[in-house]
Amino acid sequence: MVGRCDVVVDYYLKHGVQGVRKDGVWTGPKGKLWGMRGRWRQDAQGRPVHVWIELPDGSVLDPTRWAFEGAWPYVYSGPADCYDEAVLPLELKE
């Protein structure tokens, strides 16, 4: 399985969320269910490739962050604490 955060983010942007799509990697901790989530695209350093929204005030809106945390689904809105867009493009491991 490959995560589809890109599809969810594009939906949010198409339906009125004001922000910019950001592509990069998730750098934060992974929850206890992380290993059970399936196969994710990763960068050359093994970090999961991810897509999120940067809001006009510089904060993040991330509708799929919960998948990395192993939490119940929720929409994250807050500081850009676990995101790195500067690393792409890198060789991806499938």
N, C-alpha and C. Protein backbone atom coordinates (compact mmCIF):
# COMPACT_ATOMS: atom_id res chain seq x y z
N MET A 1 0.83 -1.18 0.00
CA MET A 1 0.00 0.00 0.00
C MET A 1 0.88 1.25 0.00
N VAL A 2 0.50 2.22 -0.76
CA VAL A 2 1.19 3.49 -0.78
C VAL A 2 0.22 4.54 -0.25
N GLY A 3 0.69 5.39 0.67
CA GLY A 3 -0.16 6.44 1.21
C GLY A 3 -0.67 7.37 0.11
N ARG A 4 -1.82 7.93 0.31
CA ARG A 4 -2.42 8.82 -0.68
C ARG A 4 -2.70 10.20 -0.10
N CYS A 5 -1.77 10.71 0.68
CA CYS A 5 -1.93 12.05 1.25
C CYS A 5 -2.08 13.09 0.15
N ASP A 6 -1.45 12.87 -1.00
CA ASP A 6 -1.54 13.81 -2.11
C ASP A 6 -2.97 14.00 -2.59
N VAL A 7 -3.72 12.91 -2.66
CA VAL A 7 -5.10 12.98 -3.12
C VAL A 7 -5.96 13.76 -2.13
N VAL A 8 -5.75 13.50 -0.84
CA VAL A 8 -6.53 14.19 0.20
C VAL A 8 -6.20 15.68 0.20
N VAL A 9 -4.93 16.03 0.14
CA VAL A 9 -4.52 17.43 0.12
C VAL A 9 -5.08 18.15 -1.11
N ASP A 10 -4.99 17.52 -2.27
CA ASP A 10 -5.53 18.14 -3.49
C ASP A 10 -7.04 18.37 -3.36
N TYR A 11 -7.75 17.45 -2.72
CA TYR A 11 -9.19 17.61 -2.50
C TYR A 11 -9.46 18.84 -1.63
N TYR A 12 -8.72 18.97 -0.54
CA TYR A 12 -8.90 20.13 0.36
C TYR A 12 -8.66 21.44 -0.39
N LEU A 13 -7.60 21.50 -1.19
CA LEU A 13 -7.28 22.72 -1.92
C LEU A 13 -8.32 23.03 -2.99
N LYS A 14 -8.83 22.00 -3.63
CA LYS A 14 -9.85 22.18 -4.66
C LYS A 14 -11.17 22.67 -4.07
N HIS A 15 -11.41 22.33 -2.81
CA HIS A 15 -12.70 22.65 -2.19
C HIS A 15 -12.60 23.77 -1.16
N GLY A 16 -11.70 24.72 -1.37
CA GLY A 16 -11.76 25.97 -0.63
C GLY A 16 -10.70 26.26 0.41
N VAL A 17 -9.87 25.30 0.77
CA VAL A 17 -8.80 25.62 1.73
C VAL A 17 -7.79 26.52 1.05
N GLN A 18 -7.49 27.63 1.68
CA GLN A 18 -6.53 28.58 1.13
C GLN A 18 -5.13 28.22 1.62
N GLY A 19 -4.29 27.79 0.72
CA GLY A 19 -2.93 27.41 1.08
C GLY A 19 -2.19 26.90 -0.12
N VAL A 20 -0.98 26.40 0.14
CA VAL A 20 -0.09 25.90 -0.91
C VAL A 20 0.26 24.45 -0.61
N ARG A 21 0.16 23.61 -1.63
CA ARG A 21 0.57 22.22 -1.49
C ARG A 21 2.09 22.16 -1.32
N LYS A 22 2.53 21.37 -0.34
CA LYS A 22 3.95 21.17 -0.10
C LYS A 22 4.26 19.68 -0.19
N ASP A 23 5.31 19.34 -0.91
CA ASP A 23 5.76 17.97 -1.05
C ASP A 23 7.10 17.83 -0.35
N GLY A 24 7.25 16.78 0.42
CA GLY A 24 8.51 16.55 1.13
C GLY A 24 8.48 15.23 1.86
N VAL A 25 9.00 15.24 3.07
CA VAL A 25 9.01 14.02 3.88
C VAL A 25 8.53 14.32 5.29
N TRP A 26 8.01 13.29 5.93
CA TRP A 26 7.62 13.34 7.34
C TRP A 26 8.87 13.04 8.15
N THR A 27 9.21 13.93 9.09
CA THR A 27 10.42 13.75 9.90
C THR A 27 10.10 13.44 11.36
N GLY A 28 8.83 13.38 11.69
CA GLY A 28 8.44 13.18 13.07
C GLY A 28 8.42 11.72 13.49
N PRO A 29 8.04 11.49 14.74
CA PRO A 29 7.97 10.12 15.25
C PRO A 29 6.85 9.34 14.60
N LYS A 30 7.02 8.04 14.62
CA LYS A 30 6.00 7.14 14.08
C LYS A 30 5.34 6.40 15.23
N GLY A 31 4.03 6.31 15.17
CA GLY A 31 3.26 5.66 16.22
C GLY A 31 3.45 4.16 16.25
N LYS A 32 2.89 3.54 17.27
CA LYS A 32 3.08 2.10 17.45
C LYS A 32 2.45 1.27 16.34
N LEU A 33 1.49 1.82 15.61
CA LEU A 33 0.87 1.08 14.51
C LEU A 33 1.57 1.32 13.18
N TRP A 34 2.64 2.09 13.19
CA TRP A 34 3.33 2.45 11.95
C TRP A 34 3.66 1.23 11.10
N GLY A 35 4.22 0.21 11.67
CA GLY A 35 4.63 -0.97 10.91
C GLY A 35 3.47 -1.73 10.31
N MET A 36 2.27 -1.51 10.80
CA MET A 36 1.09 -2.21 10.31
C MET A 36 0.38 -1.43 9.22
N ARG A 37 0.86 -0.27 8.87
CA ARG A 37 0.16 0.59 7.91
C ARG A 37 0.43 0.21 6.46
N GLY A 38 1.30 -0.70 6.21
CA GLY A 38 1.58 -1.08 4.83
C GLY A 38 2.88 -0.49 4.33
N ARG A 39 3.02 -0.48 3.05
CA ARG A 39 4.25 -0.01 2.41
C ARG A 39 4.10 1.43 1.96
N TRP A 40 5.04 2.27 2.34
CA TRP A 40 5.00 3.69 2.02
C TRP A 40 6.18 4.03 1.12
N ARG A 41 5.98 5.03 0.26
CA ARG A 41 7.12 5.56 -0.50
C ARG A 41 8.04 6.24 0.48
N GLN A 42 9.35 6.04 0.30
CA GLN A 42 10.34 6.62 1.21
C GLN A 42 11.43 7.31 0.41
N ASP A 43 12.08 8.28 1.07
CA ASP A 43 13.24 8.90 0.43
C ASP A 43 14.44 7.98 0.64
N ALA A 44 15.59 8.38 0.14
CA ALA A 44 16.79 7.54 0.22
C ALA A 44 17.23 7.29 1.65
N GLN A 45 16.77 8.11 2.60
CA GLN A 45 17.12 7.92 4.01
C GLN A 45 16.06 7.15 4.79
N GLY A 46 15.06 6.64 4.09
CA GLY A 46 14.03 5.84 4.73
C GLY A 46 12.90 6.63 5.36
N ARG A 47 12.83 7.93 5.10
CA ARG A 47 11.75 8.74 5.66
C ARG A 47 10.56 8.73 4.70
N PRO A 48 9.35 8.65 5.22
CA PRO A 48 8.18 8.58 4.34
C PRO A 48 7.94 9.88 3.58
N VAL A 49 7.71 9.75 2.27
CA VAL A 49 7.35 10.88 1.43
C VAL A 49 5.95 11.32 1.84
N HIS A 50 5.73 12.64 1.89
CA HIS A 50 4.46 13.15 2.40
C HIS A 50 4.08 14.45 1.70
N VAL A 51 2.78 14.76 1.73
CA VAL A 51 2.23 15.98 1.15
C VAL A 51 1.34 16.62 2.20
N TRP A 52 1.43 17.96 2.35
CA TRP A 52 0.63 18.69 3.31
C TRP A 52 0.31 20.07 2.73
N ILE A 53 -0.43 20.89 3.48
CA ILE A 53 -0.80 22.23 3.05
C ILE A 53 -0.12 23.26 3.96
N GLU A 54 0.54 24.23 3.34
CA GLU A 54 1.05 25.36 4.10
C GLU A 54 0.02 26.48 4.00
N LEU A 55 -0.47 26.93 5.15
CA LEU A 55 -1.47 27.98 5.20
C LEU A 55 -0.81 29.35 5.06
N PRO A 56 -1.59 30.40 4.72
CA PRO A 56 -1.00 31.73 4.51
C PRO A 56 -0.18 32.26 5.69
N ASP A 57 -0.50 31.84 6.92
CA ASP A 57 0.26 32.31 8.09
C ASP A 57 1.51 31.48 8.36
N GLY A 58 1.81 30.52 7.48
CA GLY A 58 3.01 29.69 7.64
C GLY A 58 2.79 28.42 8.43
N SER A 59 1.62 28.25 9.00
CA SER A 59 1.33 27.02 9.73
C SER A 59 0.92 25.92 8.74
N VAL A 60 0.70 24.74 9.26
CA VAL A 60 0.42 23.56 8.44
C VAL A 60 -1.00 23.07 8.68
N LEU A 61 -1.64 22.63 7.62
CA LEU A 61 -2.88 21.86 7.70
C LEU A 61 -2.56 20.51 7.09
N ASP A 62 -2.68 19.46 7.87
CA ASP A 62 -2.32 18.12 7.42
C ASP A 62 -3.44 17.14 7.76
N PRO A 63 -4.25 16.78 6.76
CA PRO A 63 -5.36 15.88 7.03
C PRO A 63 -4.98 14.41 7.21
N THR A 64 -3.72 14.05 6.98
CA THR A 64 -3.34 12.64 7.10
C THR A 64 -2.17 12.40 8.07
N ARG A 65 -1.82 13.38 8.85
CA ARG A 65 -0.73 13.22 9.83
C ARG A 65 -0.99 12.05 10.78
N TRP A 66 -2.23 11.84 11.11
CA TRP A 66 -2.62 10.79 12.05
C TRP A 66 -2.09 9.42 11.63
N ALA A 67 -1.95 9.20 10.33
CA ALA A 67 -1.49 7.89 9.86
C ALA A 67 -0.06 7.61 10.31
N PHE A 68 0.78 8.64 10.36
CA PHE A 68 2.15 8.47 10.83
C PHE A 68 2.19 8.26 12.34
N GLU A 69 1.30 8.92 13.03
CA GLU A 69 1.30 8.87 14.49
C GLU A 69 0.61 7.62 15.05
N GLY A 70 -0.07 6.88 14.18
CA GLY A 70 -0.81 5.71 14.65
C GLY A 70 -2.01 6.11 15.49
N ALA A 71 -2.59 7.26 15.19
CA ALA A 71 -3.71 7.80 15.97
C ALA A 71 -5.02 7.59 15.22
N TRP A 72 -6.13 7.89 15.90
CA TRP A 72 -7.42 7.93 15.23
C TRP A 72 -7.38 9.10 14.25
N PRO A 73 -8.10 9.00 13.14
CA PRO A 73 -8.08 10.07 12.14
C PRO A 73 -8.50 11.43 12.71
N TYR A 74 -7.73 12.44 12.37
CA TYR A 74 -8.03 13.83 12.71
C TYR A 74 -7.30 14.72 11.71
N VAL A 75 -7.64 16.00 11.68
CA VAL A 75 -6.96 16.96 10.81
C VAL A 75 -6.06 17.82 11.68
N TYR A 76 -4.77 17.78 11.42
CA TYR A 76 -3.79 18.57 12.17
C TYR A 76 -3.74 19.99 11.62
N SER A 77 -3.73 20.96 12.51
CA SER A 77 -3.50 22.35 12.16
C SER A 77 -2.58 22.93 13.23
N GLY A 78 -1.39 23.35 12.81
CA GLY A 78 -0.43 23.86 13.79
C GLY A 78 0.91 24.15 13.15
N PRO A 79 1.94 24.23 14.00
CA PRO A 79 3.27 24.55 13.48
C PRO A 79 3.83 23.44 12.57
N ALA A 80 4.73 23.83 11.69
CA ALA A 80 5.39 22.89 10.78
C ALA A 80 6.53 22.21 11.50
N ASP A 81 6.20 21.35 12.45
CA ASP A 81 7.20 20.77 13.34
C ASP A 81 7.84 19.48 12.84
N CYS A 82 7.20 18.77 11.96
CA CYS A 82 7.70 17.45 11.54
C CYS A 82 7.69 17.30 10.01
N TYR A 83 7.98 18.38 9.31
CA TYR A 83 7.89 18.38 7.86
C TYR A 83 9.17 18.95 7.27
N ASP A 84 9.61 18.36 6.15
CA ASP A 84 10.80 18.86 5.47
C ASP A 84 10.55 18.80 3.97
N GLU A 85 10.38 19.95 3.36
CA GLU A 85 10.18 19.99 1.91
C GLU A 85 11.48 20.19 1.16
N ALA A 86 12.53 20.57 1.84
CA ALA A 86 13.79 20.91 1.19
C ALA A 86 14.55 19.69 0.69
N VAL A 87 14.16 18.50 1.08
CA VAL A 87 14.93 17.31 0.73
C VAL A 87 14.60 16.76 -0.65
N LEU A 88 13.52 17.17 -1.26
CA LEU A 88 13.14 16.61 -2.54
C LEU A 88 13.70 17.48 -3.67
N PRO A 89 14.03 16.95 -4.81
CA PRO A 89 13.86 15.55 -5.16
C PRO A 89 15.04 14.70 -4.71
N LEU A 90 14.75 13.52 -4.27
CA LEU A 90 15.76 12.53 -3.91
C LEU A 90 15.39 11.21 -4.57
N GLU A 91 16.33 10.34 -4.63
CA GLU A 91 16.05 9.01 -5.14
C GLU A 91 15.08 8.34 -4.17
N LEU A 92 13.99 7.81 -4.69
CA LEU A 92 12.98 7.16 -3.85
C LEU A 92 13.17 5.66 -3.84
N LYS A 93 12.92 5.08 -2.68
CA LYS A 93 12.90 3.63 -2.55
C LYS A 93 11.46 3.18 -2.62
N GLU A 94 11.14 2.22 -3.43
CA GLU A 94 9.77 1.68 -3.53
C GLU A 94 9.65 0.43 -2.70
